[in-house]
């Protein structure tokens, strides 16, 4: 088969898998979970990041990231929610705050359980009944680890931006404008790594990185372009300001819903790429399930099939 025909088949397989997985329902469920998980998730990421760079610098970095992908009103609403919870814990690591953080982590992990259901649906992995207490504990621990990893990815982004800033200032004396473009490329790299990590860790099969990086990069670019376009339109139209707090919430939901759709489209692309261009093992694993699995109403209904290592 020629390269052109392979690319055509790649596109058709991606669209077919995406359409058969009921993306609207899955994305809506992800957006719903994300709204309630976002503030706890960002709070935990701030505290993890604060261990290395200090709480003030951590909050500034995460607030900056929010303002890059949300309108001013939506970003302020999320920042206020995080600040309110953070002020109640006092930023101190005490027994009480650890208990509180454990509950926050449990709530935030619901988002990753929903992601698992969605990825199983897109990749056609059949749900099987839960296997007992230990399986549930392991699933919960994996979700909490994903929450903590977000803080480390923010830390990686800070390190990249710092290195670029030093390179731009002390070697090129700011003449090449590395800071702006380097920061953009660094953000793309970190987001792609995070998305690839989610594609690899969350489902109950493990695909090799060689089958994931292209899909993760495509997903990142589509996500950033789309979110930027939504933000630009809303800034020009001033819809969010006119609707006040309700408008800010709607805008945030719209952005999250779009990001969820792109995430699922990227998962469909990963599966199609693995079957057409990827490793033999990944192709065999994904070909075992030719049609998407039926969606379930709760995370427990889609608990783990045996994890296949690549």
C-alpha atoms as a PDB file:
ATOM      1  CA  UNK A   1       0.000   0.000   0.000  1.00  0.00           C
ATOM      2  CA  UNK A   2       1.378   3.405  -0.978  1.00  0.00           C
ATOM      3  CA  UNK A   3       2.053   6.116   1.599  1.00  0.00           C
ATOM      4  CA  UNK A   4      -0.831   8.220   0.253  1.00  0.00           C
ATOM      5  CA  UNK A   5      -3.267   5.342   0.645  1.00  0.00           C
ATOM      6  CA  UNK A   6      -1.944   4.665   4.144  1.00  0.00           C
ATOM      7  CA  UNK A   7      -2.484   8.303   5.120  1.00  0.00           C
ATOM      8  CA  UNK A   8      -5.984   8.190   3.651  1.00  0.00           C
ATOM      9  CA  UNK A   9      -6.746   5.020   5.609  1.00  0.00           C
ATOM     10  CA  UNK A  10      -5.279   6.644   8.734  1.00  0.00           C
ATOM     11  CA  UNK A  11      -7.702   9.554   8.399  1.00  0.00           C
ATOM     12  CA  UNK A  12     -10.685   7.298   7.708  1.00  0.00           C
ATOM     13  CA  UNK A  13      -9.874   4.984  10.629  1.00  0.00           C
ATOM     14  CA  UNK A  14      -9.495   7.983  12.943  1.00  0.00           C
ATOM     15  CA  UNK A  15     -12.853   9.472  11.960  1.00  0.00           C
ATOM     16  CA  UNK A  16     -14.608   6.084  12.123  1.00  0.00           C
ATOM     17  CA  UNK A  17     -13.270   5.296  15.594  1.00  0.00           C
ATOM     18  CA  UNK A  18     -14.094   8.806  16.779  1.00  0.00           C
ATOM     19  CA  UNK A  19     -17.675   8.731  15.488  1.00  0.00           C
ATOM     20  CA  UNK A  20     -18.408   5.240  16.839  1.00  0.00           C
ATOM     21  CA  UNK A  21     -17.255   6.136  20.354  1.00  0.00           C
ATOM     22  CA  UNK A  22     -20.123   8.632  20.913  1.00  0.00           C
ATOM     23  CA  UNK A  23     -17.714  11.555  21.487  1.00  0.00           C
ATOM     24  CA  UNK A  24     -20.396  14.103  22.393  1.00  0.00           C
ATOM     25  CA  UNK A  25     -21.562  12.069  25.379  1.00  0.00           C
ATOM     26  CA  UNK A  26     -18.032  11.209  26.505  1.00  0.00           C
ATOM     27  CA  UNK A  27     -16.822  14.809  26.172  1.00  0.00           C
ATOM     28  CA  UNK A  28     -19.855  16.103  28.065  1.00  0.00           C
ATOM     29  CA  UNK A  29     -19.152  13.667  30.906  1.00  0.00           C
ATOM     30  CA  UNK A  30     -15.499  14.738  30.972  1.00  0.00           C
ATOM     31  CA  UNK A  31     -16.456  18.425  31.030  1.00  0.00           C
ATOM     32  CA  UNK A  32     -18.868  17.801  33.918  1.00  0.00           C
ATOM     33  CA  UNK A  33     -16.197  15.985  35.934  1.00  0.00           C
ATOM     34  CA  UNK A  34     -13.578  18.598  35.079  1.00  0.00           C
ATOM     35  CA  UNK A  35     -15.639  21.505  36.421  1.00  0.00           C
ATOM     36  CA  UNK A  36     -15.826  19.917  39.881  1.00  0.00           C
ATOM     37  CA  UNK A  37     -12.280  18.520  39.780  1.00  0.00           C
ATOM     38  CA  UNK A  38     -10.443  21.545  38.391  1.00  0.00           C
ATOM     39  CA  UNK A  39     -10.019  23.588  41.575  1.00  0.00           C
ATOM     40  CA  UNK A  40      -8.892  20.632  43.775  1.00  0.00           C
ATOM     41  CA  UNK A  41      -6.610  19.399  41.005  1.00  0.00           C
ATOM     42  CA  UNK A  42      -4.936  22.797  40.587  1.00  0.00           C
ATOM     43  CA  UNK A  43      -4.655  23.225  44.359  1.00  0.00           C
ATOM     44  CA  UNK A  44      -2.789  19.934  44.702  1.00  0.00           C
ATOM     45  CA  UNK A  45      -0.614  20.796  41.695  1.00  0.00           C
ATOM     46  CA  UNK A  46       0.177  24.154  43.335  1.00  0.00           C
ATOM     47  CA  UNK A  47       1.193  22.500  46.599  1.00  0.00           C
ATOM     48  CA  UNK A  48       3.365  19.907  44.832  1.00  0.00           C
ATOM     49  CA  UNK A  49       5.006  22.606  42.726  1.00  0.00           C
ATOM     50  CA  UNK A  50       5.368  24.833  45.792  1.00  0.00           C
ATOM     51  CA  UNK A  51       7.635  22.264  47.443  1.00  0.00           C
ATOM     52  CA  UNK A  52      10.262  23.068  44.810  1.00  0.00           C
ATOM     53  CA  UNK A  53       9.732  26.738  43.907  1.00  0.00           C
ATOM     54  CA  UNK A  54       7.675  28.160  46.786  1.00  0.00           C
ATOM     55  CA  UNK A  55       3.910  28.653  47.025  1.00  0.00           C
ATOM     56  CA  UNK A  56       3.896  32.202  45.627  1.00  0.00           C
ATOM     57  CA  UNK A  57       5.871  31.244  42.520  1.00  0.00           C
ATOM     58  CA  UNK A  58       3.759  28.114  42.080  1.00  0.00           C
ATOM     59  CA  UNK A  59       0.502  30.071  42.197  1.00  0.00           C
ATOM     60  CA  UNK A  60       1.882  32.648  39.767  1.00  0.00           C
ATOM     61  CA  UNK A  61       2.922  29.962  37.283  1.00  0.00           C
ATOM     62  CA  UNK A  62      -0.403  28.134  37.404  1.00  0.00           C
ATOM     63  CA  UNK A  63      -2.396  31.381  37.219  1.00  0.00           C
ATOM     64  CA  UNK A  64      -0.367  32.350  34.160  1.00  0.00           C
ATOM     65  CA  UNK A  65      -1.151  28.998  32.545  1.00  0.00           C
ATOM     66  CA  UNK A  66      -4.869  29.487  33.248  1.00  0.00           C
ATOM     67  CA  UNK A  67      -4.877  32.962  31.726  1.00  0.00           C
ATOM     68  CA  UNK A  68      -3.254  31.583  28.578  1.00  0.00           C
ATOM     69  CA  UNK A  69      -6.109  29.157  27.898  1.00  0.00           C
ATOM     70  CA  UNK A  70      -9.127  30.869  29.493  1.00  0.00           C
ATOM     71  CA  UNK A  71     -10.659  34.305  29.303  1.00  0.00           C
ATOM     72  CA  UNK A  72      -9.856  36.729  32.103  1.00  0.00           C
ATOM     73  CA  UNK A  73     -13.221  36.172  33.820  1.00  0.00           C
ATOM     74  CA  UNK A  74     -13.009  32.359  33.709  1.00  0.00           C
ATOM     75  CA  UNK A  75      -9.388  32.326  34.862  1.00  0.00           C
ATOM     76  CA  UNK A  76     -10.223  34.658  37.758  1.00  0.00           C
ATOM     77  CA  UNK A  77     -13.104  32.420  38.831  1.00  0.00           C
ATOM     78  CA  UNK A  78     -10.861  29.340  38.974  1.00  0.00           C
ATOM     79  CA  UNK A  79      -8.062  31.281  40.686  1.00  0.00           C
ATOM     80  CA  UNK A  80     -10.485  32.530  43.358  1.00  0.00           C
ATOM     81  CA  UNK A  81     -11.717  28.988  44.012  1.00  0.00           C
ATOM     82  CA  UNK A  82      -8.172  27.685  44.387  1.00  0.00           C
ATOM     83  CA  UNK A  83      -7.190  30.610  46.613  1.00  0.00           C
ATOM     84  CA  UNK A  84     -10.217  30.077  48.863  1.00  0.00           C
ATOM     85  CA  UNK A  85      -9.387  26.410  49.433  1.00  0.00           C
ATOM     86  CA  UNK A  86      -5.697  27.223  49.829  1.00  0.00           C
ATOM     87  CA  UNK A  87      -6.373  29.886  52.460  1.00  0.00           C
ATOM     88  CA  UNK A  88      -8.449  27.404  54.463  1.00  0.00           C
ATOM     89  CA  UNK A  89      -5.522  24.975  54.613  1.00  0.00           C
ATOM     90  CA  UNK A  90      -3.140  27.846  55.376  1.00  0.00           C
ATOM     91  CA  UNK A  91      -0.576  26.309  53.040  1.00  0.00           C
ATOM     92  CA  UNK A  92       0.857  24.380  55.994  1.00  0.00           C
ATOM     93  CA  UNK A  93       1.369  20.627  55.898  1.00  0.00           C
ATOM     94  CA  UNK A  94      -0.443  19.429  59.019  1.00  0.00           C
ATOM     95  CA  UNK A  95      -2.373  16.273  59.822  1.00  0.00           C
ATOM     96  CA  UNK A  96      -5.658  18.115  59.221  1.00  0.00           C
ATOM     97  CA  UNK A  97      -4.501  19.561  55.913  1.00  0.00           C
ATOM     98  CA  UNK A  98      -3.259  16.137  54.785  1.00  0.00           C
ATOM     99  CA  UNK A  99      -6.671  14.627  55.517  1.00  0.00           C
ATOM    100  CA  UNK A 100      -8.300  17.454  53.597  1.00  0.00           C
ATOM    101  CA  UNK A 101      -5.922  17.004  50.687  1.00  0.00           C
ATOM    102  CA  UNK A 102      -6.692  13.283  50.635  1.00  0.00           C
ATOM    103  CA  UNK A 103     -10.383  14.082  50.124  1.00  0.00           C
ATOM    104  CA  UNK A 104      -9.502  16.677  47.482  1.00  0.00           C
ATOM    105  CA  UNK A 105      -7.337  14.127  45.665  1.00  0.00           C
ATOM    106  CA  UNK A 106     -10.174  11.614  45.806  1.00  0.00           C
ATOM    107  CA  UNK A 107     -12.559  14.145  44.269  1.00  0.00           C
ATOM    108  CA  UNK A 108     -10.088  15.199  41.588  1.00  0.00           C
ATOM    109  CA  UNK A 109      -9.393  11.563  40.710  1.00  0.00           C
ATOM    110  CA  UNK A 110     -12.997  11.224  39.498  1.00  0.00           C
ATOM    111  CA  UNK A 111     -11.907  13.113  36.385  1.00  0.00           C
ATOM    112  CA  UNK A 112      -9.302  10.482  35.566  1.00  0.00           C
ATOM    113  CA  UNK A 113     -11.793   7.676  36.116  1.00  0.00           C
ATOM    114  CA  UNK A 114     -14.017   9.357  33.533  1.00  0.00           C
ATOM    115  CA  UNK A 115     -11.013   9.654  31.199  1.00  0.00           C
ATOM    116  CA  UNK A 116     -10.457   5.915  31.570  1.00  0.00           C
ATOM    117  CA  UNK A 117     -14.049   5.170  30.593  1.00  0.00           C
ATOM    118  CA  UNK A 118     -13.756   7.460  27.558  1.00  0.00           C
ATOM    119  CA  UNK A 119     -10.450   5.968  26.381  1.00  0.00           C
ATOM    120  CA  UNK A 120     -11.793   2.437  26.779  1.00  0.00           C
ATOM    121  CA  UNK A 121     -14.755   3.424  24.644  1.00  0.00           C
ATOM    122  CA  UNK A 122     -12.598   4.987  21.910  1.00  0.00           C
ATOM    123  CA  UNK A 123     -10.114   2.107  21.819  1.00  0.00           C
ATOM    124  CA  UNK A 124     -12.819  -0.539  22.019  1.00  0.00           C
ATOM    125  CA  UNK A 125     -11.642  -2.064  25.278  1.00  0.00           C
ATOM    126  CA  UNK A 126     -14.457  -4.152  26.790  1.00  0.00           C
ATOM    127  CA  UNK A 127     -15.428  -3.257  30.352  1.00  0.00           C
ATOM    128  CA  UNK A 128     -15.385  -6.103  32.860  1.00  0.00           C
ATOM    129  CA  UNK A 129     -16.684  -6.248  36.431  1.00  0.00           C
ATOM    130  CA  UNK A 130     -14.514  -4.849  39.188  1.00  0.00           C
ATOM    131  CA  UNK A 131     -12.141  -7.362  40.776  1.00  0.00           C
ATOM    132  CA  UNK A 132     -12.416  -6.410  44.422  1.00  0.00           C
ATOM    133  CA  UNK A 133     -11.008  -4.058  47.006  1.00  0.00           C
ATOM    134  CA  UNK A 134      -7.346  -4.193  45.929  1.00  0.00           C
ATOM    135  CA  UNK A 135      -8.209  -3.468  42.293  1.00  0.00           C
ATOM    136  CA  UNK A 136     -10.240  -0.445  43.375  1.00  0.00           C
ATOM    137  CA  UNK A 137      -7.427   0.779  45.626  1.00  0.00           C
ATOM    138  CA  UNK A 138      -4.898   0.412  42.799  1.00  0.00           C
ATOM    139  CA  UNK A 139      -7.177   2.308  40.432  1.00  0.00           C
ATOM    140  CA  UNK A 140      -7.601   5.079  43.012  1.00  0.00           C
ATOM    141  CA  UNK A 141      -3.847   5.308  43.631  1.00  0.00           C
ATOM    142  CA  UNK A 142      -3.207   5.580  39.882  1.00  0.00           C
ATOM    143  CA  UNK A 143      -5.686   8.443  39.621  1.00  0.00           C
ATOM    144  CA  UNK A 144      -4.103  10.279  42.567  1.00  0.00           C
ATOM    145  CA  UNK A 145      -0.631   9.804  41.053  1.00  0.00           C
ATOM    146  CA  UNK A 146      -1.932  11.400  37.855  1.00  0.00           C
ATOM    147  CA  UNK A 147      -3.095  14.401  39.885  1.00  0.00           C
ATOM    148  CA  UNK A 148       0.336  14.723  41.500  1.00  0.00           C
ATOM    149  CA  UNK A 149       2.101  14.358  38.157  1.00  0.00           C
ATOM    150  CA  UNK A 150       0.437  17.530  36.909  1.00  0.00           C
ATOM    151  CA  UNK A 151       2.419  19.454  39.508  1.00  0.00           C
ATOM    152  CA  UNK A 152       5.653  17.906  38.247  1.00  0.00           C
ATOM    153  CA  UNK A 153       4.788  18.803  34.649  1.00  0.00           C
ATOM    154  CA  UNK A 154       4.298  22.419  35.727  1.00  0.00           C
ATOM    155  CA  UNK A 155       7.717  22.196  37.384  1.00  0.00           C
ATOM    156  CA  UNK A 156       9.202  20.910  34.133  1.00  0.00           C
ATOM    157  CA  UNK A 157       7.647  23.851  32.291  1.00  0.00           C
ATOM    158  CA  UNK A 158       9.202  26.287  34.780  1.00  0.00           C
ATOM    159  CA  UNK A 159      12.638  24.689  34.333  1.00  0.00           C
ATOM    160  CA  UNK A 160      12.345  24.883  30.533  1.00  0.00           C
ATOM    161  CA  UNK A 161      11.276  28.541  30.620  1.00  0.00           C
ATOM    162  CA  UNK A 162      14.089  29.386  33.050  1.00  0.00           C
ATOM    163  CA  UNK A 163      16.685  27.694  30.845  1.00  0.00           C
ATOM    164  CA  UNK A 164      15.386  29.514  27.766  1.00  0.00           C
ATOM    165  CA  UNK A 165      15.392  32.838  29.620  1.00  0.00           C
ATOM    166  CA  UNK A 166      19.010  32.372  30.743  1.00  0.00           C
ATOM    167  CA  UNK A 167      20.054  31.302  27.250  1.00  0.00           C
ATOM    168  CA  UNK A 168      18.302  34.289  25.686  1.00  0.00           C
ATOM    169  CA  UNK A 169      19.675  36.838  28.172  1.00  0.00           C
ATOM    170  CA  UNK A 170      23.258  35.740  28.781  1.00  0.00           C
ATOM    171  CA  UNK A 171      24.266  34.106  25.501  1.00  0.00           C
ATOM    172  CA  UNK A 172      22.238  35.853  22.811  1.00  0.00           C
ATOM    173  CA  UNK A 173      21.572  39.055  24.821  1.00  0.00           C
ATOM    174  CA  UNK A 174      17.906  39.005  23.867  1.00  0.00           C
ATOM    175  CA  UNK A 175      18.659  39.607  20.181  1.00  0.00           C
ATOM    176  CA  UNK A 176      17.100  36.399  18.853  1.00  0.00           C
ATOM    177  CA  UNK A 177      13.812  36.649  20.763  1.00  0.00           C
ATOM    178  CA  UNK A 178      14.191  33.110  22.054  1.00  0.00           C
ATOM    179  CA  UNK A 179      12.070  33.698  25.128  1.00  0.00           C
ATOM    180  CA  UNK A 180       8.718  34.057  23.366  1.00  0.00           C
ATOM    181  CA  UNK A 181       9.147  31.252  20.839  1.00  0.00           C
ATOM    182  CA  UNK A 182      11.033  29.024  23.241  1.00  0.00           C
ATOM    183  CA  UNK A 183       8.306  29.381  25.841  1.00  0.00           C
ATOM    184  CA  UNK A 184       5.690  28.411  23.253  1.00  0.00           C
ATOM    185  CA  UNK A 185       7.665  25.365  22.133  1.00  0.00           C
ATOM    186  CA  UNK A 186       8.328  24.418  25.751  1.00  0.00           C
ATOM    187  CA  UNK A 187       4.609  24.599  26.514  1.00  0.00           C
ATOM    188  CA  UNK A 188       3.792  22.421  23.495  1.00  0.00           C
ATOM    189  CA  UNK A 189       6.410  19.887  24.580  1.00  0.00           C
ATOM    190  CA  UNK A 190       5.202  19.687  28.180  1.00  0.00           C
ATOM    191  CA  UNK A 191       1.512  19.458  27.227  1.00  0.00           C
ATOM    192  CA  UNK A 192       2.310  16.757  24.645  1.00  0.00           C
ATOM    193  CA  UNK A 193       4.244  14.806  27.277  1.00  0.00           C
ATOM    194  CA  UNK A 194       1.325  15.098  29.701  1.00  0.00           C
ATOM    195  CA  UNK A 195      -1.206  13.958  27.092  1.00  0.00           C
ATOM    196  CA  UNK A 196       1.047  11.092  26.007  1.00  0.00           C
ATOM    197  CA  UNK A 197       1.497  10.097  29.648  1.00  0.00           C
ATOM    198  CA  UNK A 198      -2.293  10.035  30.079  1.00  0.00           C
ATOM    199  CA  UNK A 199      -2.759   7.919  26.932  1.00  0.00           C
ATOM    200  CA  UNK A 200      -0.142   5.490  28.244  1.00  0.00           C
ATOM    201  CA  UNK A 201      -1.058   5.208  31.930  1.00  0.00           C
ATOM    202  CA  UNK A 202      -4.830   5.642  32.203  1.00  0.00           C
ATOM    203  CA  UNK A 203      -6.134   2.796  29.955  1.00  0.00           C
ATOM    204  CA  UNK A 204      -5.780  -0.873  30.826  1.00  0.00           C
ATOM    205  CA  UNK A 205      -3.399  -1.483  27.940  1.00  0.00           C
ATOM    206  CA  UNK A 206       0.053   0.047  27.665  1.00  0.00           C
ATOM    207  CA  UNK A 207       1.156   1.237  24.241  1.00  0.00           C
ATOM    208  CA  UNK A 208       4.834   2.005  23.561  1.00  0.00           C
ATOM    209  CA  UNK A 209       5.854   5.666  23.373  1.00  0.00           C
ATOM    210  CA  UNK A 210       6.719   5.218  19.698  1.00  0.00           C
ATOM    211  CA  UNK A 211       2.992   4.757  19.014  1.00  0.00           C
ATOM    212  CA  UNK A 212       1.924   7.645  21.234  1.00  0.00           C
ATOM    213  CA  UNK A 213       4.139  10.643  20.568  1.00  0.00           C
ATOM    214  CA  UNK A 214       2.706  11.551  17.142  1.00  0.00           C
ATOM    215  CA  UNK A 215      -0.870  11.402  18.423  1.00  0.00           C
ATOM    216  CA  UNK A 216       0.020  13.346  21.565  1.00  0.00           C
ATOM    217  CA  UNK A 217       1.675  16.082  19.505  1.00  0.00           C
ATOM    218  CA  UNK A 218      -1.237  16.319  17.045  1.00  0.00           C
ATOM    219  CA  UNK A 219      -3.687  16.456  19.957  1.00  0.00           C
ATOM    220  CA  UNK A 220      -1.681  19.218  21.649  1.00  0.00           C
ATOM    221  CA  UNK A 221      -1.528  21.375  18.523  1.00  0.00           C
ATOM    222  CA  UNK A 222      -5.258  20.993  17.803  1.00  0.00           C
ATOM    223  CA  UNK A 223      -6.094  21.713  21.433  1.00  0.00           C
ATOM    224  CA  UNK A 224      -3.962  24.855  21.611  1.00  0.00           C
ATOM    225  CA  UNK A 225      -5.185  26.188  18.260  1.00  0.00           C
ATOM    226  CA  UNK A 226      -8.823  25.573  19.172  1.00  0.00           C
ATOM    227  CA  UNK A 227      -8.607  27.043  22.664  1.00  0.00           C
ATOM    228  CA  UNK A 228      -6.751  30.063  21.276  1.00  0.00           C
ATOM    229  CA  UNK A 229      -9.469  30.516  18.640  1.00  0.00           C
ATOM    230  CA  UNK A 230     -12.264  30.289  21.225  1.00  0.00           C
ATOM    231  CA  UNK A 231     -10.472  32.749  23.490  1.00  0.00           C
ATOM    232  CA  UNK A 232      -9.902  35.181  20.608  1.00  0.00           C
ATOM    233  CA  UNK A 233     -13.556  35.053  19.545  1.00  0.00           C
ATOM    234  CA  UNK A 234     -14.855  35.533  23.069  1.00  0.00           C
ATOM    235  CA  UNK A 235     -12.421  38.383  23.692  1.00  0.00           C
ATOM    236  CA  UNK A 236     -13.553  40.186  20.546  1.00  0.00           C
ATOM    237  CA  UNK A 237     -17.265  39.521  21.100  1.00  0.00           C
ATOM    238  CA  UNK A 238     -17.049  40.297  24.856  1.00  0.00           C
ATOM    239  CA  UNK A 239     -19.670  37.632  25.580  1.00  0.00           C
ATOM    240  CA  UNK A 240     -18.152  36.594  28.903  1.00  0.00           C
ATOM    241  CA  UNK A 241     -18.079  40.093  30.364  1.00  0.00           C
ATOM    242  CA  UNK A 242     -21.668  40.744  29.355  1.00  0.00           C
ATOM    243  CA  UNK A 243     -22.944  37.585  31.069  1.00  0.00           C
ATOM    244  CA  UNK A 244     -20.924  38.003  34.268  1.00  0.00           C
ATOM    245  CA  UNK A 245     -20.126  34.999  36.459  1.00  0.00           C
ATOM    246  CA  UNK A 246     -22.561  32.715  34.635  1.00  0.00           C
ATOM    247  CA  UNK A 247     -20.910  33.646  31.357  1.00  0.00           C
ATOM    248  CA  UNK A 248     -17.467  32.865  32.766  1.00  0.00           C
ATOM    249  CA  UNK A 249     -18.671  29.407  33.824  1.00  0.00           C
ATOM    250  CA  UNK A 250     -20.243  28.758  30.414  1.00  0.00           C
ATOM    251  CA  UNK A 251     -17.054  29.853  28.662  1.00  0.00           C
ATOM    252  CA  UNK A 252     -14.984  27.562  30.860  1.00  0.00           C
ATOM    253  CA  UNK A 253     -17.335  24.661  30.110  1.00  0.00           C
ATOM    254  CA  UNK A 254     -17.093  25.406  26.391  1.00  0.00           C
ATOM    255  CA  UNK A 255     -13.301  25.369  26.492  1.00  0.00           C
ATOM    256  CA  UNK A 256     -13.173  22.158  28.531  1.00  0.00           C
ATOM    257  CA  UNK A 257     -15.748  20.497  26.258  1.00  0.00           C
ATOM    258  CA  UNK A 258     -13.688  21.368  23.185  1.00  0.00           C
ATOM    259  CA  UNK A 259     -10.486  20.121  24.844  1.00  0.00           C
ATOM    260  CA  UNK A 260     -12.246  16.856  25.753  1.00  0.00           C
ATOM    261  CA  UNK A 261     -13.426  16.379  22.160  1.00  0.00           C
ATOM    262  CA  UNK A 262      -9.892  16.925  20.869  1.00  0.00           C
ATOM    263  CA  UNK A 263      -8.486  14.553  23.510  1.00  0.00           C
ATOM    264  CA  UNK A 264     -10.846  11.806  22.301  1.00  0.00           C
ATOM    265  CA  UNK A 265     -10.087  12.593  18.655  1.00  0.00           C
ATOM    266  CA  UNK A 266      -6.398  12.296  19.511  1.00  0.00           C
ATOM    267  CA  UNK A 267      -7.041   8.918  21.138  1.00  0.00           C
ATOM    268  CA  UNK A 268      -8.761   7.775  17.940  1.00  0.00           C
ATOM    269  CA  UNK A 269      -5.744   9.009  15.966  1.00  0.00           C
ATOM    270  CA  UNK A 270      -3.378   7.101  18.282  1.00  0.00           C
ATOM    271  CA  UNK A 271      -5.284   3.855  17.700  1.00  0.00           C
ATOM    272  CA  UNK A 272      -5.419   4.381  13.933  1.00  0.00           C
ATOM    273  CA  UNK A 273      -1.735   5.343  13.798  1.00  0.00           C
ATOM    274  CA  UNK A 274      -0.731   2.275  15.830  1.00  0.00           C
ATOM    275  CA  UNK A 275      -2.655  -0.012  13.484  1.00  0.00           C
ATOM    276  CA  UNK A 276      -1.329   1.563  10.266  1.00  0.00           C
ATOM    277  CA  UNK A 277       2.176   2.779  11.137  1.00  0.00           C
ATOM    278  CA  UNK A 278       2.902   1.617  14.671  1.00  0.00           C
ATOM    279  CA  UNK A 279       4.602  -1.320  16.302  1.00  0.00           C
ATOM    280  CA  UNK A 280       3.386  -4.844  15.616  1.00  0.00           C
ATOM    281  CA  UNK A 281       2.475  -5.482  19.254  1.00  0.00           C
ATOM    282  CA  UNK A 282       0.392  -2.308  19.547  1.00  0.00           C
ATOM    283  CA  UNK A 283      -1.391  -3.130  16.305  1.00  0.00           C
ATOM    284  CA  UNK A 284      -2.179  -6.647  17.528  1.00  0.00           C
ATOM    285  CA  UNK A 285      -3.469  -5.423  20.891  1.00  0.00           C
ATOM    286  CA  UNK A 286      -5.760  -2.775  19.406  1.00  0.00           C
ATOM    287  CA  UNK A 287      -6.943  -4.993  16.547  1.00  0.00           C
ATOM    288  CA  UNK A 288      -8.239  -7.487  19.114  1.00  0.00           C
ATOM    289  CA  UNK A 289     -11.104  -5.051  19.640  1.00  0.00           C
ATOM    290  CA  UNK A 290     -12.396  -3.936  16.266  1.00  0.00           C
ATOM    291  CA  UNK A 291     -15.423  -1.986  17.487  1.00  0.00           C
ATOM    292  CA  UNK A 292     -15.678   0.472  20.350  1.00  0.00           C
ATOM    293  CA  UNK A 293     -16.966  -0.898  23.612  1.00  0.00           C
ATOM    294  CA  UNK A 294     -20.411   0.191  24.791  1.00  0.00           C
ATOM    295  CA  UNK A 295     -20.362   3.129  27.155  1.00  0.00           C
ATOM    296  CA  UNK A 296     -21.114   2.630  30.814  1.00  0.00           C
ATOM    297  CA  UNK A 297     -22.758   4.868  33.341  1.00  0.00           C
ATOM    298  CA  UNK A 298     -20.222   4.578  36.145  1.00  0.00           C
ATOM    299  CA  UNK A 299     -16.482   4.139  36.539  1.00  0.00           C
ATOM    300  CA  UNK A 300     -16.988   0.835  38.344  1.00  0.00           C
ATOM    301  CA  UNK A 301     -18.587  -0.711  35.277  1.00  0.00           C
ATOM    302  CA  UNK A 302     -15.422  -0.226  33.247  1.00  0.00           C
ATOM    303  CA  UNK A 303     -12.787  -1.228  35.799  1.00  0.00           C
ATOM    304  CA  UNK A 304      -9.650  -2.791  34.589  1.00  0.00           C
ATOM    305  CA  UNK A 305      -9.103  -5.415  31.965  1.00  0.00           C
ATOM    306  CA  UNK A 306      -5.726  -7.099  32.272  1.00  0.00           C
ATOM    307  CA  UNK A 307      -3.012  -4.522  31.551  1.00  0.00           C
ATOM    308  CA  UNK A 308      -0.979  -5.493  28.513  1.00  0.00           C
ATOM    309  CA  UNK A 309       2.598  -4.209  28.578  1.00  0.00           C
ATOM    310  CA  UNK A 310       4.291  -3.248  25.359  1.00  0.00           C
END
